[in-house]
Amino acid sequence: MIAAVTFERTVFQPRLHRFEAGTGNIADAVGLGAALDYVARIGIETIARHEHDLLAYATHRLAPIKGVRLIGTARDKASVLSFVLEGMKPEDVGRALNAEGNAVRSGIIALSRSCAASGWRRRCGHR
């Protein structure tokens, strides 16, 4: 990288030392450690059970609503709830839910590979 810097000039290191990687990503490593401690303290089984309970609750509440179509309702699926709301653009639904404090992902970027794999290319905006 750099051997010396003054207001007048910068002196770079010789060739092999000029291209060092720089400082490691220390903050993210510390954050990852804290996250792992948190998960260990609560317990991964407790977290999985809570996620599953939230999914079951949300599925039970959304399923009877007219115009809501749930996508991916396998019994032992990951705790992700995907749905479409008839007559509404996914990004509009996502914006409305986010405005109410619900963290959601919406639109073609969040689903493009799944759409392509399912054969829904046209319905998902692919040509």
C-alpha atoms as a PDB file:
ATOM      1  CA  MET A   1       0.000   0.000   0.000  1.00  0.00           C
ATOM      2  CA  ILE A   2       1.550   3.289   1.096  1.00  0.00           C
ATOM      3  CA  ALA A   3       4.969   3.815   2.687  1.00  0.00           C
ATOM      4  CA  ALA A   4       4.560   7.514   3.501  1.00  0.00           C
ATOM      5  CA  VAL A   5       2.128  10.378   2.939  1.00  0.00           C
ATOM      6  CA  THR A   6       2.807  14.097   3.224  1.00  0.00           C
ATOM      7  CA  PHE A   7       1.051  17.153   1.851  1.00  0.00           C
ATOM      8  CA  GLU A   8       3.611  17.232  -0.936  1.00  0.00           C
ATOM      9  CA  ARG A   9       3.662  13.598  -2.040  1.00  0.00           C
ATOM     10  CA  THR A  10       2.715   9.951  -1.506  1.00  0.00           C
ATOM     11  CA  VAL A  11       5.297   7.173  -1.533  1.00  0.00           C
ATOM     12  CA  PHE A  12       3.972   3.728  -2.388  1.00  0.00           C
ATOM     13  CA  GLN A  13       5.422   0.422  -1.158  1.00  0.00           C
ATOM     14  CA  PRO A  14       7.428  -1.727  -3.590  1.00  0.00           C
ATOM     15  CA  ARG A  15       5.490  -3.998  -5.952  1.00  0.00           C
ATOM     16  CA  LEU A  16       4.568  -7.011  -3.807  1.00  0.00           C
ATOM     17  CA  HIS A  17       3.579  -4.933  -0.772  1.00  0.00           C
ATOM     18  CA  ARG A  18       1.692  -2.324  -2.757  1.00  0.00           C
ATOM     19  CA  PHE A  19      -1.451  -4.450  -3.112  1.00  0.00           C
ATOM     20  CA  GLU A  20      -2.142  -5.667   0.425  1.00  0.00           C
ATOM     21  CA  ALA A  21      -5.734  -6.476   1.326  1.00  0.00           C
ATOM     22  CA  GLY A  22      -6.003  -3.797   4.002  1.00  0.00           C
ATOM     23  CA  THR A  23      -7.618  -4.078   7.397  1.00  0.00           C
ATOM     24  CA  GLY A  24      -9.738  -7.142   7.936  1.00  0.00           C
ATOM     25  CA  ASN A  25     -13.474  -6.802   8.484  1.00  0.00           C
ATOM     26  CA  ILE A  26     -13.183  -6.720  12.286  1.00  0.00           C
ATOM     27  CA  ALA A  27     -16.562  -5.134  13.051  1.00  0.00           C
ATOM     28  CA  ASP A  28     -18.481  -7.844  11.179  1.00  0.00           C
ATOM     29  CA  ALA A  29     -16.460 -10.583  12.876  1.00  0.00           C
ATOM     30  CA  VAL A  30     -17.323  -9.122  16.303  1.00  0.00           C
ATOM     31  CA  GLY A  31     -20.983  -8.806  15.260  1.00  0.00           C
ATOM     32  CA  LEU A  32     -21.064 -12.402  14.063  1.00  0.00           C
ATOM     33  CA  GLY A  33     -19.610 -13.548  17.370  1.00  0.00           C
ATOM     34  CA  ALA A  34     -22.275 -11.616  19.296  1.00  0.00           C
ATOM     35  CA  ALA A  35     -25.017 -13.083  17.080  1.00  0.00           C
ATOM     36  CA  LEU A  36     -23.724 -16.625  17.649  1.00  0.00           C
ATOM     37  CA  ASP A  37     -23.628 -16.005  21.426  1.00  0.00           C
ATOM     38  CA  TYR A  38     -27.230 -14.761  21.284  1.00  0.00           C
ATOM     39  CA  VAL A  39     -28.434 -17.819  19.364  1.00  0.00           C
ATOM     40  CA  ALA A  40     -26.542 -20.128  21.732  1.00  0.00           C
ATOM     41  CA  ARG A  41     -28.083 -18.393  24.770  1.00  0.00           C
ATOM     42  CA  ILE A  42     -31.663 -18.676  23.469  1.00  0.00           C
ATOM     43  CA  GLY A  43     -31.206 -22.037  21.763  1.00  0.00           C
ATOM     44  CA  ILE A  44     -31.627 -22.848  18.081  1.00  0.00           C
ATOM     45  CA  GLU A  45     -34.518 -25.213  18.852  1.00  0.00           C
ATOM     46  CA  THR A  46     -36.383 -22.429  20.691  1.00  0.00           C
ATOM     47  CA  ILE A  47     -35.855 -20.065  17.761  1.00  0.00           C
ATOM     48  CA  ALA A  48     -37.013 -22.685  15.230  1.00  0.00           C
ATOM     49  CA  ARG A  49     -40.126 -23.454  17.290  1.00  0.00           C
ATOM     50  CA  HIS A  50     -40.968 -19.751  17.588  1.00  0.00           C
ATOM     51  CA  GLU A  51     -40.518 -19.231  13.825  1.00  0.00           C
ATOM     52  CA  HIS A  52     -42.747 -22.220  13.116  1.00  0.00           C
ATOM     53  CA  ASP A  53     -45.417 -20.934  15.531  1.00  0.00           C
ATOM     54  CA  LEU A  54     -45.372 -17.514  13.833  1.00  0.00           C
ATOM     55  CA  LEU A  55     -45.700 -19.169  10.416  1.00  0.00           C
ATOM     56  CA  ALA A  56     -48.628 -21.312  11.581  1.00  0.00           C
ATOM     57  CA  TYR A  57     -50.360 -18.273  13.099  1.00  0.00           C
ATOM     58  CA  ALA A  58     -49.872 -16.111   9.991  1.00  0.00           C
ATOM     59  CA  THR A  59     -50.973 -18.909   7.660  1.00  0.00           C
ATOM     60  CA  HIS A  60     -54.101 -19.530   9.753  1.00  0.00           C
ATOM     61  CA  ARG A  61     -54.983 -15.816   9.708  1.00  0.00           C
ATOM     62  CA  LEU A  62     -54.240 -15.170   6.001  1.00  0.00           C
ATOM     63  CA  ALA A  63     -55.666 -18.338   4.413  1.00  0.00           C
ATOM     64  CA  PRO A  64     -59.369 -17.402   4.774  1.00  0.00           C
ATOM     65  CA  ILE A  65     -58.962 -13.842   3.413  1.00  0.00           C
ATOM     66  CA  LYS A  66     -60.624 -13.426   0.023  1.00  0.00           C
ATOM     67  CA  GLY A  67     -58.105 -12.533  -2.688  1.00  0.00           C
ATOM     68  CA  VAL A  68     -55.074 -13.900  -0.801  1.00  0.00           C
ATOM     69  CA  ARG A  69     -53.336 -16.876  -2.407  1.00  0.00           C
ATOM     70  CA  LEU A  70     -50.673 -18.566  -0.314  1.00  0.00           C
ATOM     71  CA  ILE A  71     -47.673 -19.915  -2.206  1.00  0.00           C
ATOM     72  CA  GLY A  72     -45.753 -22.881  -0.832  1.00  0.00           C
ATOM     73  CA  THR A  73     -47.828 -24.522   1.854  1.00  0.00           C
ATOM     74  CA  ALA A  74     -45.833 -27.713   2.475  1.00  0.00           C
ATOM     75  CA  ARG A  75     -46.179 -29.080   6.005  1.00  0.00           C
ATOM     76  CA  ASP A  76     -42.487 -28.945   6.996  1.00  0.00           C
ATOM     77  CA  LYS A  77     -41.319 -25.897   5.069  1.00  0.00           C
ATOM     78  CA  ALA A  78     -39.049 -23.090   6.162  1.00  0.00           C
ATOM     79  CA  SER A  79     -40.688 -20.294   8.116  1.00  0.00           C
ATOM     80  CA  VAL A  80     -41.252 -18.087   5.081  1.00  0.00           C
ATOM     81  CA  LEU A  81     -44.742 -16.995   4.151  1.00  0.00           C
ATOM     82  CA  SER A  82     -45.212 -16.165   0.482  1.00  0.00           C
ATOM     83  CA  PHE A  83     -48.475 -14.903  -0.923  1.00  0.00           C
ATOM     84  CA  VAL A  84     -50.046 -12.813  -3.642  1.00  0.00           C
ATOM     85  CA  LEU A  85     -52.941 -10.451  -3.179  1.00  0.00           C
ATOM     86  CA  GLU A  86     -55.357 -10.454  -6.101  1.00  0.00           C
ATOM     87  CA  GLY A  87     -55.431  -7.158  -7.997  1.00  0.00           C
ATOM     88  CA  MET A  88     -52.399  -5.701  -6.213  1.00  0.00           C
ATOM     89  CA  LYS A  89     -48.807  -5.291  -7.367  1.00  0.00           C
ATOM     90  CA  PRO A  90     -46.361  -7.083  -5.047  1.00  0.00           C
ATOM     91  CA  GLU A  91     -44.275  -3.920  -4.573  1.00  0.00           C
ATOM     92  CA  ASP A  92     -47.388  -1.970  -3.484  1.00  0.00           C
ATOM     93  CA  VAL A  93     -48.304  -4.651  -0.956  1.00  0.00           C
ATOM     94  CA  GLY A  94     -44.703  -4.701   0.280  1.00  0.00           C
ATOM     95  CA  ARG A  95     -44.598  -0.914   0.669  1.00  0.00           C
ATOM     96  CA  ALA A  96     -47.883  -0.908   2.600  1.00  0.00           C
ATOM     97  CA  LEU A  97     -46.737  -3.704   4.915  1.00  0.00           C
ATOM     98  CA  ASN A  98     -43.347  -2.052   5.469  1.00  0.00           C
ATOM     99  CA  ALA A  99     -45.068   1.241   6.313  1.00  0.00           C
ATOM    100  CA  GLU A 100     -46.936  -0.613   9.087  1.00  0.00           C
ATOM    101  CA  GLY A 101     -43.698  -1.988  10.541  1.00  0.00           C
ATOM    102  CA  ASN A 102     -43.723  -5.409   8.863  1.00  0.00           C
ATOM    103  CA  ALA A 103     -40.358  -6.266   7.328  1.00  0.00           C
ATOM    104  CA  VAL A 104     -41.107  -7.958   3.998  1.00  0.00           C
ATOM    105  CA  ARG A 105     -39.415  -8.601   0.670  1.00  0.00           C
ATOM    106  CA  SER A 106     -41.460  -8.125  -2.465  1.00  0.00           C
ATOM    107  CA  GLY A 107     -41.257  -7.889  -6.209  1.00  0.00           C
ATOM    108  CA  ILE A 108     -39.440  -9.724  -8.936  1.00  0.00           C
ATOM    109  CA  ILE A 109     -35.937  -9.364  -7.447  1.00  0.00           C
ATOM    110  CA  ALA A 110     -36.983 -11.329  -4.364  1.00  0.00           C
ATOM    111  CA  LEU A 111     -38.612 -14.090  -6.378  1.00  0.00           C
ATOM    112  CA  SER A 112     -37.123 -14.199  -9.883  1.00  0.00           C
ATOM    113  CA  ARG A 113     -35.372 -17.584  -9.645  1.00  0.00           C
ATOM    114  CA  SER A 114     -38.397 -19.211  -8.028  1.00  0.00           C
ATOM    115  CA  CYS A 115     -40.643 -17.807 -10.750  1.00  0.00           C
ATOM    116  CA  ALA A 116     -38.395 -19.091 -13.491  1.00  0.00           C
ATOM    117  CA  ALA A 117     -38.143 -22.534 -11.893  1.00  0.00           C
ATOM    118  CA  SER A 118     -41.903 -22.796 -11.423  1.00  0.00           C
ATOM    119  CA  GLY A 119     -42.758 -21.934 -15.026  1.00  0.00           C
ATOM    120  CA  TRP A 120     -44.419 -18.664 -14.020  1.00  0.00           C
ATOM    121  CA  ARG A 121     -42.065 -16.617 -16.196  1.00  0.00           C
ATOM    122  CA  ARG A 122     -44.761 -14.448 -17.805  1.00  0.00           C
ATOM    123  CA  ARG A 123     -46.713 -13.912 -14.602  1.00  0.00           C
ATOM    124  CA  CYS A 124     -43.525 -12.868 -12.816  1.00  0.00           C
ATOM    125  CA  GLY A 125     -42.535 -10.291 -15.414  1.00  0.00           C
ATOM    126  CA  HIS A 126     -40.085 -12.403 -17.446  1.00  0.00           C
ATOM    127  CA  ARG A 127     -40.378 -12.317 -21.213  1.00  0.00           C
END
